[in-house]
């Protein structure tokens, strides 16, 4: 697979049983060799209240679970692209086991 375009869901999990945010996204994944890039657009656009909640979660920890329509998941770091409202998603890289890092909740 060299590319994938479709819908998915970004989920922000506080722990294994508490999801504090679920956002629909349209993703465009491009694969080049061993690397991949992914752009995501929130779909539908967020209301002001939902945008505030999303921004709060991003400030707490930008690690989300990306859930594809087939049920497969991937932990990703989300970074807002300032220019056009896009999100850039990259594979989450685990920190050292003793660091005070992200929640790392796999669903």
C-alpha atoms as a PDB file:
ATOM      1  CA  UNK A   1       0.000   0.000   0.000  1.00  0.00           C
ATOM      2  CA  UNK A   2       1.510   3.312  -1.100  1.00  0.00           C
ATOM      3  CA  UNK A   3      -1.298   5.497   0.146  1.00  0.00           C
ATOM      4  CA  UNK A   4      -4.635   5.506   1.898  1.00  0.00           C
ATOM      5  CA  UNK A   5      -7.352   8.135   1.983  1.00  0.00           C
ATOM      6  CA  UNK A   6     -10.488   7.749   4.015  1.00  0.00           C
ATOM      7  CA  UNK A   7     -12.198   8.375   7.301  1.00  0.00           C
ATOM      8  CA  UNK A   8     -11.015   7.529  10.794  1.00  0.00           C
ATOM      9  CA  UNK A   9     -11.543   8.622  14.375  1.00  0.00           C
ATOM     10  CA  UNK A  10      -9.075  10.344  16.701  1.00  0.00           C
ATOM     11  CA  UNK A  11      -9.661   9.277  20.307  1.00  0.00           C
ATOM     12  CA  UNK A  12      -8.122  10.730  23.471  1.00  0.00           C
ATOM     13  CA  UNK A  13      -8.125   8.150  26.264  1.00  0.00           C
ATOM     14  CA  UNK A  14      -7.496   9.108  29.899  1.00  0.00           C
ATOM     15  CA  UNK A  15      -7.287   5.412  30.852  1.00  0.00           C
ATOM     16  CA  UNK A  16      -8.530   2.067  29.511  1.00  0.00           C
ATOM     17  CA  UNK A  17     -12.162   2.843  30.278  1.00  0.00           C
ATOM     18  CA  UNK A  18     -12.480   6.629  29.871  1.00  0.00           C
ATOM     19  CA  UNK A  19     -12.404   8.265  26.453  1.00  0.00           C
ATOM     20  CA  UNK A  20     -12.519  12.053  26.850  1.00  0.00           C
ATOM     21  CA  UNK A  21     -12.673  12.904  23.172  1.00  0.00           C
ATOM     22  CA  UNK A  22     -13.664  11.356  19.847  1.00  0.00           C
ATOM     23  CA  UNK A  23     -13.268  13.317  16.638  1.00  0.00           C
ATOM     24  CA  UNK A  24     -14.020  12.285  13.092  1.00  0.00           C
ATOM     25  CA  UNK A  25     -11.191  12.912  10.641  1.00  0.00           C
ATOM     26  CA  UNK A  26     -10.422  12.447   6.973  1.00  0.00           C
ATOM     27  CA  UNK A  27      -6.903  11.103   6.650  1.00  0.00           C
ATOM     28  CA  UNK A  28      -4.427  10.976   3.793  1.00  0.00           C
ATOM     29  CA  UNK A  29      -1.594   8.533   4.494  1.00  0.00           C
ATOM     30  CA  UNK A  30       1.435   8.377   2.204  1.00  0.00           C
ATOM     31  CA  UNK A  31       4.065   5.635   2.450  1.00  0.00           C
ATOM     32  CA  UNK A  32       7.614   6.026   1.156  1.00  0.00           C
ATOM     33  CA  UNK A  33       9.911   3.096   1.901  1.00  0.00           C
ATOM     34  CA  UNK A  34       9.865   2.557   5.667  1.00  0.00           C
ATOM     35  CA  UNK A  35       8.451   6.029   6.395  1.00  0.00           C
ATOM     36  CA  UNK A  36       4.924   7.354   6.267  1.00  0.00           C
ATOM     37  CA  UNK A  37       3.216  10.696   6.642  1.00  0.00           C
ATOM     38  CA  UNK A  38      -0.384  11.411   7.515  1.00  0.00           C
ATOM     39  CA  UNK A  39      -2.431  14.574   7.211  1.00  0.00           C
ATOM     40  CA  UNK A  40      -5.828  14.730   8.874  1.00  0.00           C
ATOM     41  CA  UNK A  41      -8.693  17.167   8.593  1.00  0.00           C
ATOM     42  CA  UNK A  42     -11.410  17.286  11.222  1.00  0.00           C
ATOM     43  CA  UNK A  43     -14.682  16.259   9.623  1.00  0.00           C
ATOM     44  CA  UNK A  44     -17.065  17.809  10.272  1.00  0.00           C
ATOM     45  CA  UNK A  45     -15.560  21.130  11.344  1.00  0.00           C
ATOM     46  CA  UNK A  46     -15.680  21.654  15.109  1.00  0.00           C
ATOM     47  CA  UNK A  47     -18.006  24.021  16.923  1.00  0.00           C
ATOM     48  CA  UNK A  48     -16.321  26.658  19.096  1.00  0.00           C
ATOM     49  CA  UNK A  49     -16.991  24.578  22.232  1.00  0.00           C
ATOM     50  CA  UNK A  50     -15.656  21.370  20.653  1.00  0.00           C
ATOM     51  CA  UNK A  51     -12.611  23.240  19.364  1.00  0.00           C
ATOM     52  CA  UNK A  52     -11.879  24.514  22.873  1.00  0.00           C
ATOM     53  CA  UNK A  53     -12.140  20.963  24.262  1.00  0.00           C
ATOM     54  CA  UNK A  54      -9.879  19.615  21.499  1.00  0.00           C
ATOM     55  CA  UNK A  55      -7.274  22.344  22.092  1.00  0.00           C
ATOM     56  CA  UNK A  56      -7.334  21.551  25.826  1.00  0.00           C
ATOM     57  CA  UNK A  57      -6.680  17.839  25.177  1.00  0.00           C
ATOM     58  CA  UNK A  58      -3.865  18.705  22.774  1.00  0.00           C
ATOM     59  CA  UNK A  59      -2.226  20.843  25.467  1.00  0.00           C
ATOM     60  CA  UNK A  60      -2.568  18.047  28.038  1.00  0.00           C
ATOM     61  CA  UNK A  61      -1.021  15.413  25.793  1.00  0.00           C
ATOM     62  CA  UNK A  62      -1.016  15.275  21.987  1.00  0.00           C
ATOM     63  CA  UNK A  63      -1.076  11.448  21.888  1.00  0.00           C
ATOM     64  CA  UNK A  64      -4.264  10.090  20.367  1.00  0.00           C
ATOM     65  CA  UNK A  65      -5.511   6.706  19.241  1.00  0.00           C
ATOM     66  CA  UNK A  66      -6.213   6.768  15.502  1.00  0.00           C
ATOM     67  CA  UNK A  67      -9.010   4.263  14.864  1.00  0.00           C
ATOM     68  CA  UNK A  68      -9.620   3.248  11.267  1.00  0.00           C
ATOM     69  CA  UNK A  69     -12.991   2.113   9.943  1.00  0.00           C
ATOM     70  CA  UNK A  70     -11.869  -1.539  10.017  1.00  0.00           C
ATOM     71  CA  UNK A  71     -11.262  -1.281  13.792  1.00  0.00           C
ATOM     72  CA  UNK A  72      -7.465  -1.247  13.610  1.00  0.00           C
ATOM     73  CA  UNK A  73      -5.733   1.353  15.782  1.00  0.00           C
ATOM     74  CA  UNK A  74      -2.443   3.189  15.968  1.00  0.00           C
ATOM     75  CA  UNK A  75      -1.097   5.524  18.653  1.00  0.00           C
ATOM     76  CA  UNK A  76      -0.184   8.849  17.058  1.00  0.00           C
ATOM     77  CA  UNK A  77       1.187  12.241  18.001  1.00  0.00           C
ATOM     78  CA  UNK A  78      -0.989  15.040  16.645  1.00  0.00           C
ATOM     79  CA  UNK A  79       0.414  18.443  15.732  1.00  0.00           C
ATOM     80  CA  UNK A  80      -1.773  21.252  14.436  1.00  0.00           C
ATOM     81  CA  UNK A  81      -0.496  22.754  11.180  1.00  0.00           C
ATOM     82  CA  UNK A  82      -0.845  26.475  11.840  1.00  0.00           C
ATOM     83  CA  UNK A  83      -1.501  27.547   8.271  1.00  0.00           C
ATOM     84  CA  UNK A  84      -4.668  25.682   7.304  1.00  0.00           C
ATOM     85  CA  UNK A  85      -6.158  23.824  10.271  1.00  0.00           C
ATOM     86  CA  UNK A  86      -4.760  20.449   9.213  1.00  0.00           C
ATOM     87  CA  UNK A  87      -3.340  17.997  11.697  1.00  0.00           C
ATOM     88  CA  UNK A  88      -0.070  16.217  11.034  1.00  0.00           C
ATOM     89  CA  UNK A  89      -0.037  12.736  12.576  1.00  0.00           C
ATOM     90  CA  UNK A  90       3.092  10.730  13.291  1.00  0.00           C
ATOM     91  CA  UNK A  91       3.553   7.325  14.915  1.00  0.00           C
ATOM     92  CA  UNK A  92       3.910   7.592  18.676  1.00  0.00           C
ATOM     93  CA  UNK A  93       7.406   6.685  19.855  1.00  0.00           C
ATOM     94  CA  UNK A  94       7.504   5.293  23.390  1.00  0.00           C
ATOM     95  CA  UNK A  95       9.634   7.165  25.899  1.00  0.00           C
ATOM     96  CA  UNK A  96      11.991   5.469  28.321  1.00  0.00           C
ATOM     97  CA  UNK A  97       9.987   3.322  30.790  1.00  0.00           C
ATOM     98  CA  UNK A  98      10.888   5.495  33.780  1.00  0.00           C
ATOM     99  CA  UNK A  99      10.006   8.853  32.200  1.00  0.00           C
ATOM    100  CA  UNK A 100       6.852  10.799  33.029  1.00  0.00           C
ATOM    101  CA  UNK A 101       5.537  10.510  29.494  1.00  0.00           C
ATOM    102  CA  UNK A 102       2.166  10.098  27.843  1.00  0.00           C
ATOM    103  CA  UNK A 103      -0.650   7.899  29.002  1.00  0.00           C
ATOM    104  CA  UNK A 104       0.133   5.203  26.403  1.00  0.00           C
ATOM    105  CA  UNK A 105      -3.355   3.686  26.676  1.00  0.00           C
ATOM    106  CA  UNK A 106      -3.964   1.194  23.914  1.00  0.00           C
ATOM    107  CA  UNK A 107      -7.577   0.476  23.039  1.00  0.00           C
END
